[in-house]
């Protein structure tokens, strides 16, 4: 994360080229709130390499699936991730992936 003197905050989520720029105060507030949680930042870190389902994220962070689902919902509402659903061995799996690789917040 880097804040420049021109009022731009850059967050590199991956070392790839897809960038999203956010200027709307309401969206900036949602993103900042989402990033304020250590658990949500850990989730973003875990899904950097490849999309993961709630069960695998919960197991890797030693947390409950209910907690991870709640955290994923907040990341999704902030526009940081997207979720897809796929058939699993015991029903439907919710698979989370990064929405973009670099976020630029302008203020």
N, C-alpha and C. Protein backbone atom coordinates (compact mmCIF):
# COMPACT_ATOMS: atom_id res chain seq x y z
N UNK A 1 0.85 -1.15 0.00
CA UNK A 1 0.00 0.00 0.00
C UNK A 1 0.90 1.23 0.00
N UNK A 2 0.56 2.19 -0.81
CA UNK A 2 1.39 3.39 -0.93
C UNK A 2 0.50 4.61 -1.09
N UNK A 3 0.79 5.66 -0.32
CA UNK A 3 0.07 6.93 -0.47
C UNK A 3 1.05 7.94 -1.05
N UNK A 4 0.68 8.51 -2.18
CA UNK A 4 1.54 9.51 -2.82
C UNK A 4 1.13 10.90 -2.36
N UNK A 5 1.95 11.88 -2.66
CA UNK A 5 1.65 13.25 -2.26
C UNK A 5 0.50 13.86 -3.04
N UNK A 6 0.09 13.25 -4.11
CA UNK A 6 -0.99 13.80 -4.92
C UNK A 6 -2.37 13.29 -4.50
N UNK A 7 -2.46 12.62 -3.35
CA UNK A 7 -3.75 12.15 -2.88
C UNK A 7 -4.21 10.88 -3.55
N UNK A 8 -3.29 9.97 -3.84
CA UNK A 8 -3.63 8.70 -4.47
C UNK A 8 -3.11 7.58 -3.58
N UNK A 9 -3.95 6.63 -3.26
CA UNK A 9 -3.57 5.45 -2.52
C UNK A 9 -3.61 4.28 -3.48
N UNK A 10 -2.49 3.59 -3.62
CA UNK A 10 -2.44 2.42 -4.50
C UNK A 10 -2.31 1.17 -3.67
N UNK A 11 -3.14 0.19 -3.96
CA UNK A 11 -3.09 -1.10 -3.29
C UNK A 11 -2.85 -2.16 -4.34
N UNK A 12 -1.69 -2.80 -4.30
CA UNK A 12 -1.38 -3.87 -5.24
C UNK A 12 -1.84 -5.18 -4.64
N UNK A 13 -2.82 -5.81 -5.26
CA UNK A 13 -3.32 -7.08 -4.78
C UNK A 13 -2.59 -8.24 -5.44
N UNK A 14 -2.07 -8.02 -6.61
CA UNK A 14 -1.27 -9.00 -7.32
C UNK A 14 -0.32 -8.25 -8.23
N UNK A 15 0.66 -8.94 -8.71
CA UNK A 15 1.61 -8.32 -9.64
C UNK A 15 1.18 -8.52 -11.09
N UNK A 16 -0.01 -8.09 -11.40
CA UNK A 16 -0.54 -8.17 -12.76
C UNK A 16 -1.01 -6.78 -13.16
N UNK A 17 -1.50 -6.64 -14.37
CA UNK A 17 -1.74 -5.30 -14.92
C UNK A 17 -3.15 -4.74 -14.74
N UNK A 18 -4.14 -5.53 -14.42
CA UNK A 18 -5.51 -5.02 -14.34
C UNK A 18 -5.68 -4.07 -13.16
N UNK A 19 -6.05 -2.81 -13.44
CA UNK A 19 -6.15 -1.77 -12.42
C UNK A 19 -7.55 -1.17 -12.41
N UNK A 20 -8.05 -0.88 -11.21
CA UNK A 20 -9.32 -0.19 -11.05
C UNK A 20 -9.05 1.06 -10.24
N UNK A 21 -9.63 2.18 -10.68
CA UNK A 21 -9.48 3.45 -9.98
C UNK A 21 -10.81 3.84 -9.36
N UNK A 22 -10.78 4.21 -8.07
CA UNK A 22 -12.00 4.57 -7.35
C UNK A 22 -11.88 6.01 -6.89
N UNK A 23 -12.92 6.83 -7.17
CA UNK A 23 -12.92 8.24 -6.79
C UNK A 23 -14.13 8.61 -5.94
N UNK A 24 -15.16 7.78 -5.92
CA UNK A 24 -16.41 8.08 -5.23
C UNK A 24 -16.25 7.83 -3.73
N UNK A 25 -16.53 8.86 -2.92
CA UNK A 25 -16.34 8.76 -1.47
C UNK A 25 -17.03 7.56 -0.84
N UNK A 26 -18.26 7.30 -1.23
CA UNK A 26 -19.02 6.20 -0.65
C UNK A 26 -18.30 4.86 -0.89
N UNK A 27 -17.80 4.65 -2.09
CA UNK A 27 -17.09 3.41 -2.41
C UNK A 27 -15.74 3.35 -1.69
N UNK A 28 -15.06 4.48 -1.59
CA UNK A 28 -13.78 4.53 -0.87
C UNK A 28 -13.99 4.11 0.58
N UNK A 29 -15.05 4.59 1.21
CA UNK A 29 -15.33 4.24 2.61
C UNK A 29 -15.57 2.75 2.77
N UNK A 30 -16.32 2.13 1.85
CA UNK A 30 -16.56 0.69 1.91
C UNK A 30 -15.25 -0.09 1.79
N UNK A 31 -14.40 0.35 0.87
CA UNK A 31 -13.12 -0.34 0.65
C UNK A 31 -12.22 -0.21 1.86
N UNK A 32 -12.11 1.00 2.40
CA UNK A 32 -11.24 1.22 3.56
C UNK A 32 -11.74 0.41 4.75
N UNK A 33 -13.05 0.36 4.97
CA UNK A 33 -13.60 -0.44 6.07
C UNK A 33 -13.30 -1.92 5.85
N UNK A 34 -13.44 -2.38 4.62
CA UNK A 34 -13.16 -3.79 4.32
C UNK A 34 -11.69 -4.11 4.58
N UNK A 35 -10.79 -3.20 4.20
CA UNK A 35 -9.36 -3.44 4.38
C UNK A 35 -8.90 -3.24 5.82
N UNK A 36 -9.76 -2.69 6.67
CA UNK A 36 -9.37 -2.45 8.07
C UNK A 36 -9.34 -3.72 8.90
N UNK A 37 -9.90 -4.79 8.39
CA UNK A 37 -9.94 -6.06 9.11
C UNK A 37 -8.77 -6.96 8.71
N UNK A 38 -8.03 -7.42 9.71
CA UNK A 38 -6.91 -8.34 9.45
C UNK A 38 -7.41 -9.61 8.77
N UNK A 39 -8.53 -10.15 9.22
CA UNK A 39 -9.09 -11.37 8.63
C UNK A 39 -9.41 -11.17 7.16
N UNK A 40 -10.01 -10.05 6.82
CA UNK A 40 -10.35 -9.79 5.41
C UNK A 40 -9.09 -9.62 4.57
N UNK A 41 -8.06 -9.00 5.13
CA UNK A 41 -6.80 -8.89 4.39
C UNK A 41 -6.16 -10.27 4.20
N UNK A 42 -6.29 -11.14 5.19
CA UNK A 42 -5.77 -12.50 5.06
C UNK A 42 -6.52 -13.26 3.97
N UNK A 43 -7.82 -13.07 3.90
CA UNK A 43 -8.61 -13.71 2.84
C UNK A 43 -8.13 -13.24 1.48
N UNK A 44 -7.94 -11.93 1.32
CA UNK A 44 -7.43 -11.41 0.05
C UNK A 44 -6.08 -12.03 -0.30
N UNK A 45 -5.25 -12.18 0.70
CA UNK A 45 -3.93 -12.79 0.48
C UNK A 45 -4.08 -14.25 0.01
N UNK A 46 -4.99 -14.99 0.62
CA UNK A 46 -5.17 -16.40 0.27
C UNK A 46 -5.75 -16.61 -1.12
N UNK A 47 -6.56 -15.69 -1.59
CA UNK A 47 -7.17 -15.89 -2.91
C UNK A 47 -6.40 -15.18 -4.02
N UNK A 48 -5.22 -14.66 -3.71
CA UNK A 48 -4.40 -14.00 -4.74
C UNK A 48 -4.01 -14.94 -5.87
N UNK A 49 -3.51 -16.10 -5.50
CA UNK A 49 -2.97 -17.04 -6.48
C UNK A 49 -4.06 -17.71 -7.30
N UNK A 50 -5.13 -18.11 -6.62
CA UNK A 50 -6.23 -18.79 -7.30
C UNK A 50 -7.51 -18.64 -6.49
N UNK A 51 -8.65 -18.72 -7.14
CA UNK A 51 -9.92 -18.65 -6.41
C UNK A 51 -10.02 -19.80 -5.41
N UNK A 52 -10.67 -19.53 -4.28
CA UNK A 52 -10.85 -20.55 -3.25
C UNK A 52 -12.28 -20.54 -2.74
N UNK A 53 -12.74 -21.71 -2.27
CA UNK A 53 -14.07 -21.75 -1.68
C UNK A 53 -14.00 -21.47 -0.18
N UNK A 54 -15.14 -21.19 0.40
CA UNK A 54 -15.23 -20.81 1.81
C UNK A 54 -14.60 -21.86 2.71
N UNK A 55 -14.85 -23.14 2.44
CA UNK A 55 -14.31 -24.22 3.28
C UNK A 55 -12.79 -24.21 3.30
N UNK A 56 -12.19 -24.05 2.15
CA UNK A 56 -10.72 -24.05 2.08
C UNK A 56 -10.12 -22.81 2.73
N UNK A 57 -10.76 -21.66 2.56
CA UNK A 57 -10.28 -20.45 3.22
C UNK A 57 -10.38 -20.61 4.73
N UNK A 58 -11.52 -21.12 5.20
CA UNK A 58 -11.72 -21.31 6.64
C UNK A 58 -10.67 -22.27 7.21
N UNK A 59 -10.40 -23.35 6.51
CA UNK A 59 -9.41 -24.32 6.98
C UNK A 59 -8.01 -23.71 7.01
N UNK A 60 -7.67 -22.95 5.99
CA UNK A 60 -6.32 -22.37 5.93
C UNK A 60 -6.11 -21.29 6.99
N UNK A 61 -7.20 -20.63 7.43
CA UNK A 61 -7.10 -19.58 8.45
C UNK A 61 -7.51 -20.08 9.84
N UNK A 62 -7.88 -21.35 9.94
CA UNK A 62 -8.32 -21.95 11.20
C UNK A 62 -9.47 -21.15 11.82
N UNK A 63 -10.47 -20.86 10.98
CA UNK A 63 -11.66 -20.13 11.42
C UNK A 63 -12.90 -20.88 10.96
N UNK A 64 -14.04 -20.48 11.47
CA UNK A 64 -15.28 -21.15 11.08
C UNK A 64 -15.72 -20.69 9.68
N UNK A 65 -16.45 -21.55 9.02
CA UNK A 65 -16.98 -21.19 7.70
C UNK A 65 -17.96 -20.03 7.81
N UNK A 66 -18.72 -19.98 8.90
CA UNK A 66 -19.68 -18.88 9.10
C UNK A 66 -18.96 -17.54 9.18
N UNK A 67 -17.86 -17.48 9.91
CA UNK A 67 -17.08 -16.25 10.02
C UNK A 67 -16.51 -15.86 8.66
N UNK A 68 -15.94 -16.81 7.96
CA UNK A 68 -15.35 -16.52 6.65
C UNK A 68 -16.43 -16.06 5.69
N UNK A 69 -17.60 -16.68 5.72
CA UNK A 69 -18.70 -16.25 4.84
C UNK A 69 -19.09 -14.81 5.11
N UNK A 70 -19.15 -14.43 6.38
CA UNK A 70 -19.50 -13.04 6.73
C UNK A 70 -18.43 -12.07 6.24
N UNK A 71 -17.17 -12.46 6.37
CA UNK A 71 -16.08 -11.59 5.92
C UNK A 71 -16.06 -11.47 4.40
N UNK A 72 -16.33 -12.56 3.72
CA UNK A 72 -16.37 -12.56 2.26
C UNK A 72 -17.50 -11.65 1.78
N UNK A 73 -18.62 -11.68 2.47
CA UNK A 73 -19.75 -10.81 2.10
C UNK A 73 -19.33 -9.34 2.15
N UNK A 74 -18.58 -8.96 3.18
CA UNK A 74 -18.12 -7.57 3.29
C UNK A 74 -17.13 -7.21 2.18
N UNK A 75 -16.25 -8.13 1.84
CA UNK A 75 -15.30 -7.89 0.74
C UNK A 75 -16.04 -7.77 -0.59
N UNK A 76 -17.06 -8.57 -0.75
CA UNK A 76 -17.86 -8.53 -1.98
C UNK A 76 -18.65 -7.22 -2.07
N UNK A 77 -19.23 -6.79 -0.97
CA UNK A 77 -19.98 -5.52 -0.93
C UNK A 77 -19.08 -4.33 -1.21
N UNK A 78 -17.81 -4.43 -0.80
CA UNK A 78 -16.85 -3.35 -1.05
C UNK A 78 -16.34 -3.37 -2.49
N UNK A 79 -16.69 -4.42 -3.23
CA UNK A 79 -16.26 -4.51 -4.62
C UNK A 79 -14.85 -5.02 -4.80
N UNK A 80 -14.28 -5.65 -3.78
CA UNK A 80 -12.90 -6.14 -3.87
C UNK A 80 -12.81 -7.55 -4.44
N UNK A 81 -13.87 -8.33 -4.29
CA UNK A 81 -13.87 -9.70 -4.80
C UNK A 81 -15.17 -9.99 -5.52
N UNK A 82 -15.18 -11.08 -6.26
CA UNK A 82 -16.40 -11.61 -6.86
C UNK A 82 -16.53 -13.05 -6.41
N UNK A 83 -17.75 -13.53 -6.40
CA UNK A 83 -18.00 -14.91 -5.98
C UNK A 83 -18.84 -15.62 -7.04
N UNK A 84 -18.48 -16.87 -7.25
CA UNK A 84 -19.24 -17.75 -8.14
C UNK A 84 -19.66 -18.97 -7.34
N UNK A 85 -20.62 -19.68 -7.83
CA UNK A 85 -21.10 -20.88 -7.16
C UNK A 85 -20.85 -22.07 -8.06
N UNK A 86 -20.42 -23.19 -7.45
CA UNK A 86 -20.14 -24.41 -8.19
C UNK A 86 -20.62 -25.61 -7.38
N UNK A 87 -20.95 -26.67 -8.06
CA UNK A 87 -21.36 -27.89 -7.37
C UNK A 87 -20.20 -28.48 -6.61
N UNK A 88 -20.48 -28.97 -5.42
CA UNK A 88 -19.47 -29.62 -4.59
C UNK A 88 -19.95 -30.98 -4.14
N UNK A 89 -19.14 -31.66 -3.35
CA UNK A 89 -19.50 -32.99 -2.86
C UNK A 89 -20.72 -32.94 -1.94
N UNK A 90 -20.88 -31.84 -1.20
CA UNK A 90 -21.97 -31.74 -0.23
C UNK A 90 -22.83 -30.52 -0.49
N UNK A 91 -23.14 -30.25 -1.73
CA UNK A 91 -23.97 -29.10 -2.06
C UNK A 91 -23.22 -28.09 -2.91
N UNK A 92 -23.58 -26.84 -2.76
CA UNK A 92 -23.02 -25.76 -3.57
C UNK A 92 -21.85 -25.12 -2.83
N UNK A 93 -20.77 -24.85 -3.55
CA UNK A 93 -19.61 -24.17 -2.97
C UNK A 93 -19.57 -22.73 -3.46
N UNK A 94 -19.25 -21.81 -2.57
CA UNK A 94 -19.09 -20.40 -2.93
C UNK A 94 -17.60 -20.16 -3.13
N UNK A 95 -17.23 -19.79 -4.35
CA UNK A 95 -15.82 -19.62 -4.70
C UNK A 95 -15.53 -18.14 -4.87
N UNK A 96 -14.53 -17.66 -4.14
CA UNK A 96 -14.17 -16.24 -4.16
C UNK A 96 -12.89 -16.02 -4.94
N UNK A 97 -12.86 -14.90 -5.68
CA UNK A 97 -11.65 -14.52 -6.40
C UNK A 97 -11.54 -13.00 -6.41
N UNK A 98 -10.32 -12.53 -6.59
CA UNK A 98 -10.09 -11.09 -6.66
C UNK A 98 -10.80 -10.51 -7.87
N UNK A 99 -11.36 -9.34 -7.70
CA UNK A 99 -12.07 -8.67 -8.80
C UNK A 99 -11.09 -7.98 -9.74
N UNK A 100 -9.97 -7.54 -9.20
CA UNK A 100 -8.94 -6.86 -9.98
C UNK A 100 -7.61 -7.04 -9.28
N UNK A 101 -6.55 -6.64 -9.90
CA UNK A 101 -5.21 -6.87 -9.37
C UNK A 101 -4.60 -5.65 -8.69
N UNK A 102 -5.04 -4.48 -9.08
CA UNK A 102 -4.51 -3.25 -8.50
C UNK A 102 -5.64 -2.28 -8.31
N UNK A 103 -5.69 -1.66 -7.13
CA UNK A 103 -6.72 -0.70 -6.78
C UNK A 103 -6.08 0.65 -6.56
N UNK A 104 -6.59 1.67 -7.22
CA UNK A 104 -6.10 3.03 -7.02
C UNK A 104 -7.25 3.85 -6.47
N UNK A 105 -7.05 4.42 -5.28
CA UNK A 105 -8.06 5.27 -4.65
C UNK A 105 -7.59 6.71 -4.77
N UNK A 106 -8.40 7.53 -5.41
CA UNK A 106 -8.06 8.95 -5.59
C UNK A 106 -8.93 9.79 -4.68
N UNK A 107 -8.29 10.69 -3.94
CA UNK A 107 -9.05 11.57 -3.03
C UNK A 107 -8.48 12.96 -3.06
